[in-house]
Amino acid sequence: MGKIPYMEATAGIENIFQVLRIDYVRRLTYAKELTKWGKNGIRLSLRLSF
């Protein structure tokens, strides 16, 4: 990529139905160079504990 560090900002909601987390992700650096992908995104994750 380059000498600039990769940075992103996230805000999310955790503990939906005790297993699901939803994050909104915003790319702060490398947004102009990576034109194939957008600056914004949604990240889903599952957390299972027994």
PDB file of N, CA and C in Angstrom:
ATOM      1  N   MET A   1       0.819  -1.178   0.000  1.00  0.00           N
ATOM      2  CA  MET A   1       0.000   0.000   0.000  1.00  0.00           C
ATOM      3  C   MET A   1       0.867   1.247   0.000  1.00  0.00           C
ATOM      4  N   GLY A   2       1.523   1.542   1.076  1.00  0.00           N
ATOM      5  CA  GLY A   2       2.331   2.744   1.123  1.00  0.00           C
ATOM      6  C   GLY A   2       2.834   3.006   2.527  1.00  0.00           C
ATOM      7  N   LYS A   3       3.293   4.231   2.748  1.00  0.00           N
ATOM      8  CA  LYS A   3       3.830   4.592   4.067  1.00  0.00           C
ATOM      9  C   LYS A   3       2.763   5.097   5.018  1.00  0.00           C
ATOM     10  N   ILE A   4       1.582   5.364   4.524  1.00  0.00           N
ATOM     11  CA  ILE A   4       0.489   5.834   5.374  1.00  0.00           C
ATOM     12  C   ILE A   4      -0.137   4.625   6.075  1.00  0.00           C
ATOM     13  N   PRO A   5      -0.357   4.682   7.396  1.00  0.00           N
ATOM     14  CA  PRO A   5      -0.979   3.550   8.072  1.00  0.00           C
ATOM     15  C   PRO A   5      -2.453   3.403   7.681  1.00  0.00           C
ATOM     16  N   TYR A   6      -2.930   2.161   7.679  1.00  0.00           N
ATOM     17  CA  TYR A   6      -4.339   1.905   7.371  1.00  0.00           C
ATOM     18  C   TYR A   6      -5.164   2.228   8.608  1.00  0.00           C
ATOM     19  N   MET A   7      -6.228   3.010   8.438  1.00  0.00           N
ATOM     20  CA  MET A   7      -7.086   3.367   9.562  1.00  0.00           C
ATOM     21  C   MET A   7      -8.544   3.235   9.145  1.00  0.00           C
ATOM     22  N   GLU A   8      -9.350   2.774  10.077  1.00  0.00           N
ATOM     23  CA  GLU A   8     -10.787   2.725   9.869  1.00  0.00           C
ATOM     24  C   GLU A   8     -11.480   3.033  11.185  1.00  0.00           C
ATOM     25  N   ALA A   9     -12.700   3.531  11.093  1.00  0.00           N
ATOM     26  CA  ALA A   9     -13.514   3.834  12.264  1.00  0.00           C
ATOM     27  C   ALA A   9     -14.725   2.908  12.247  1.00  0.00           C
ATOM     28  N   THR A  10     -15.102   2.409  13.416  1.00  0.00           N
ATOM     29  CA  THR A  10     -16.245   1.508  13.511  1.00  0.00           C
ATOM     30  C   THR A  10     -17.168   1.951  14.632  1.00  0.00           C
ATOM     31  N   ALA A  11     -18.436   1.659  14.458  1.00  0.00           N
ATOM     32  CA  ALA A  11     -19.453   1.834  15.494  1.00  0.00           C
ATOM     33  C   ALA A  11     -20.378   0.639  15.372  1.00  0.00           C
ATOM     34  N   GLY A  12     -20.716   0.025  16.513  1.00  0.00           N
ATOM     35  CA  GLY A  12     -21.499  -1.192  16.415  1.00  0.00           C
ATOM     36  C   GLY A  12     -22.458  -1.407  17.559  1.00  0.00           C
ATOM     37  N   ILE A  13     -23.297  -2.406  17.352  1.00  0.00           N
ATOM     38  CA  ILE A  13     -24.261  -2.858  18.352  1.00  0.00           C
ATOM     39  C   ILE A  13     -23.931  -4.314  18.651  1.00  0.00           C
ATOM     40  N   GLU A  14     -23.776  -4.625  19.945  1.00  0.00           N
ATOM     41  CA  GLU A  14     -23.387  -5.967  20.348  1.00  0.00           C
ATOM     42  C   GLU A  14     -24.504  -6.595  21.178  1.00  0.00           C
ATOM     43  N   ASN A  15     -24.498  -7.903  21.220  1.00  0.00           N
ATOM     44  CA  ASN A  15     -25.399  -8.698  22.051  1.00  0.00           C
ATOM     45  C   ASN A  15     -26.824  -8.740  21.508  1.00  0.00           C
ATOM     46  N   ILE A  16     -26.976  -8.733  20.214  1.00  0.00           N
ATOM     47  CA  ILE A  16     -28.301  -8.896  19.616  1.00  0.00           C
ATOM     48  C   ILE A  16     -28.618 -10.386  19.658  1.00  0.00           C
ATOM     49  N   PHE A  17     -29.677 -10.758  20.286  1.00  0.00           N
ATOM     50  CA  PHE A  17     -30.070 -12.162  20.488  1.00  0.00           C
ATOM     51  C   PHE A  17     -28.966 -12.959  21.178  1.00  0.00           C
ATOM     52  N   GLN A  18     -28.125 -12.310  21.958  1.00  0.00           N
ATOM     53  CA  GLN A  18     -27.035 -12.911  22.728  1.00  0.00           C
ATOM     54  C   GLN A  18     -25.910 -13.494  21.884  1.00  0.00           C
ATOM     55  N   VAL A  19     -25.921 -13.380  20.552  1.00  0.00           N
ATOM     56  CA  VAL A  19     -24.853 -13.963  19.729  1.00  0.00           C
ATOM     57  C   VAL A  19     -24.381 -13.070  18.582  1.00  0.00           C
ATOM     58  N   LEU A  20     -25.086 -12.048  18.222  1.00  0.00           N
ATOM     59  CA  LEU A  20     -24.812 -11.301  16.990  1.00  0.00           C
ATOM     60  C   LEU A  20     -24.267  -9.908  17.295  1.00  0.00           C
ATOM     61  N   ARG A  21     -23.323  -9.463  16.468  1.00  0.00           N
ATOM     62  CA  ARG A  21     -22.796  -8.100  16.536  1.00  0.00           C
ATOM     63  C   ARG A  21     -22.807  -7.514  15.132  1.00  0.00           C
ATOM     64  N   ILE A  22     -23.272  -6.269  14.997  1.00  0.00           N
ATOM     65  CA  ILE A  22     -23.308  -5.554  13.723  1.00  0.00           C
ATOM     66  C   ILE A  22     -22.471  -4.290  13.872  1.00  0.00           C
ATOM     67  N   ASP A  23     -21.517  -4.091  12.939  1.00  0.00           N
ATOM     68  CA  ASP A  23     -20.651  -2.916  12.959  1.00  0.00           C
ATOM     69  C   ASP A  23     -20.785  -2.153  11.651  1.00  0.00           C
ATOM     70  N   TYR A  24     -20.774  -0.840  11.760  1.00  0.00           N
ATOM     71  CA  TYR A  24     -20.655   0.036  10.603  1.00  0.00           C
ATOM     72  C   TYR A  24     -19.180   0.426  10.519  1.00  0.00           C
ATOM     73  N   VAL A  25     -18.570   0.234   9.360  1.00  0.00           N
ATOM     74  CA  VAL A  25     -17.137   0.469   9.180  1.00  0.00           C
ATOM     75  C   VAL A  25     -16.943   1.577   8.153  1.00  0.00           C
ATOM     76  N   ARG A  26     -16.074   2.527   8.465  1.00  0.00           N
ATOM     77  CA  ARG A  26     -15.753   3.640   7.563  1.00  0.00           C
ATOM     78  C   ARG A  26     -14.240   3.681   7.371  1.00  0.00           C
ATOM     79  N   ARG A  27     -13.781   3.524   6.140  1.00  0.00           N
ATOM     80  CA  ARG A  27     -12.345   3.578   5.825  1.00  0.00           C
ATOM     81  C   ARG A  27     -11.890   5.037   5.850  1.00  0.00           C
ATOM     82  N   LEU A  28     -10.819   5.318   6.605  1.00  0.00           N
ATOM     83  CA  LEU A  28     -10.319   6.689   6.727  1.00  0.00           C
ATOM     84  C   LEU A  28      -9.126   6.957   5.816  1.00  0.00           C
ATOM     85  N   THR A  29      -8.286   5.962   5.585  1.00  0.00           N
ATOM     86  CA  THR A  29      -7.132   6.125   4.708  1.00  0.00           C
ATOM     87  C   THR A  29      -7.244   5.153   3.541  1.00  0.00           C
ATOM     88  N   TYR A  30      -6.512   5.405   2.495  1.00  0.00           N
ATOM     89  CA  TYR A  30      -6.499   4.604   1.272  1.00  0.00           C
ATOM     90  C   TYR A  30      -7.851   4.573   0.575  1.00  0.00           C
ATOM     91  N   ALA A  31      -8.707   5.531   0.826  1.00  0.00           N
ATOM     92  CA  ALA A  31     -10.026   5.553   0.204  1.00  0.00           C
ATOM     93  C   ALA A  31      -9.950   5.950  -1.273  1.00  0.00           C
ATOM     94  N   LYS A  32      -9.024   6.806  -1.624  1.00  0.00           N
ATOM     95  CA  LYS A  32      -8.914   7.256  -3.010  1.00  0.00           C
ATOM     96  C   LYS A  32      -8.191   6.238  -3.883  1.00  0.00           C
ATOM     97  N   GLU A  33      -7.203   5.526  -3.307  1.00  0.00           N
ATOM     98  CA  GLU A  33      -6.420   4.569  -4.081  1.00  0.00           C
ATOM     99  C   GLU A  33      -7.195   3.288  -4.381  1.00  0.00           C
ATOM    100  N   LEU A  34      -8.030   2.864  -3.461  1.00  0.00           N
ATOM    101  CA  LEU A  34      -8.794   1.627  -3.627  1.00  0.00           C
ATOM    102  C   LEU A  34     -10.184   1.945  -4.156  1.00  0.00           C
ATOM    103  N   THR A  35     -10.277   2.211  -5.433  1.00  0.00           N
ATOM    104  CA  THR A  35     -11.543   2.646  -6.021  1.00  0.00           C
ATOM    105  C   THR A  35     -12.505   1.491  -6.270  1.00  0.00           C
ATOM    106  N   LYS A  36     -12.024   0.243  -6.265  1.00  0.00           N
ATOM    107  CA  LYS A  36     -12.912  -0.896  -6.493  1.00  0.00           C
ATOM    108  C   LYS A  36     -13.854  -1.136  -5.322  1.00  0.00           C
ATOM    109  N   TRP A  37     -13.431  -0.751  -4.114  1.00  0.00           N
ATOM    110  CA  TRP A  37     -14.226  -0.965  -2.918  1.00  0.00           C
ATOM    111  C   TRP A  37     -14.702   0.374  -2.389  1.00  0.00           C
ATOM    112  N   GLY A  38     -15.813   0.354  -1.703  1.00  0.00           N
ATOM    113  CA  GLY A  38     -16.366   1.579  -1.148  1.00  0.00           C
ATOM    114  C   GLY A  38     -15.693   1.987   0.154  1.00  0.00           C
ATOM    115  N   LYS A  39     -15.992   3.183   0.600  1.00  0.00           N
ATOM    116  CA  LYS A  39     -15.465   3.683   1.866  1.00  0.00           C
ATOM    117  C   LYS A  39     -16.229   3.134   3.053  1.00  0.00           C
ATOM    118  N   ASN A  40     -17.485   2.754   2.849  1.00  0.00           N
ATOM    119  CA  ASN A  40     -18.356   2.321   3.931  1.00  0.00           C
ATOM    120  C   ASN A  40     -18.636   0.830   3.821  1.00  0.00           C
ATOM    121  N   GLY A  41     -18.939   0.226   4.956  1.00  0.00           N
ATOM    122  CA  GLY A  41     -19.287  -1.183   4.931  1.00  0.00           C
ATOM    123  C   GLY A  41     -19.974  -1.600   6.212  1.00  0.00           C
ATOM    124  N   ILE A  42     -20.520  -2.808   6.184  1.00  0.00           N
ATOM    125  CA  ILE A  42     -21.172  -3.398   7.348  1.00  0.00           C
ATOM    126  C   ILE A  42     -20.486  -4.716   7.638  1.00  0.00           C
ATOM    127  N   ARG A  43     -20.145  -4.922   8.889  1.00  0.00           N
ATOM    128  CA  ARG A  43     -19.472  -6.147   9.317  1.00  0.00           C
ATOM    129  C   ARG A  43     -20.382  -6.873  10.312  1.00  0.00           C
ATOM    130  N   LEU A  44     -20.650  -8.134  10.040  1.00  0.00           N
ATOM    131  CA  LEU A  44     -21.446  -8.979  10.920  1.00  0.00           C
ATOM    132  C   LEU A  44     -20.537 -10.001  11.573  1.00  0.00           C
ATOM    133  N   SER A  45     -20.763 -10.292  12.843  1.00  0.00           N
ATOM    134  CA  SER A  45     -19.978 -11.321  13.506  1.00  0.00           C
ATOM    135  C   SER A  45     -20.855 -12.080  14.505  1.00  0.00           C
ATOM    136  N   LEU A  46     -20.542 -13.354  14.658  1.00  0.00           N
ATOM    137  CA  LEU A  46     -21.231 -14.222  15.611  1.00  0.00           C
ATOM    138  C   LEU A  46     -20.292 -14.567  16.757  1.00  0.00           C
ATOM    139  N   ARG A  47     -20.829 -14.639  17.967  1.00  0.00           N
ATOM    140  CA  ARG A  47     -20.037 -15.057  19.115  1.00  0.00           C
ATOM    141  C   ARG A  47     -20.833 -16.102  19.871  1.00  0.00           C
ATOM    142  N   LEU A  48     -20.342 -17.317  19.819  1.00  0.00           N
ATOM    143  CA  LEU A  48     -21.005 -18.422  20.500  1.00  0.00           C
ATOM    144  C   LEU A  48     -20.212 -18.789  21.753  1.00  0.00           C
ATOM    145  N   SER A  49     -20.875 -18.955  22.863  1.00  0.00           N
ATOM    146  CA  SER A  49     -20.216 -19.416  24.090  1.00  0.00           C
ATOM    147  C   SER A  49     -21.091 -20.481  24.727  1.00  0.00           C
ATOM    148  N   PHE A  50     -20.455 -21.532  25.130  1.00  0.00           N
ATOM    149  CA  PHE A  50     -21.171 -22.674  25.713  1.00  0.00           C
ATOM    150  C   PHE A  50     -20.890 -22.776  27.192  1.00  0.00           C
TER     151      PHE A  50
END
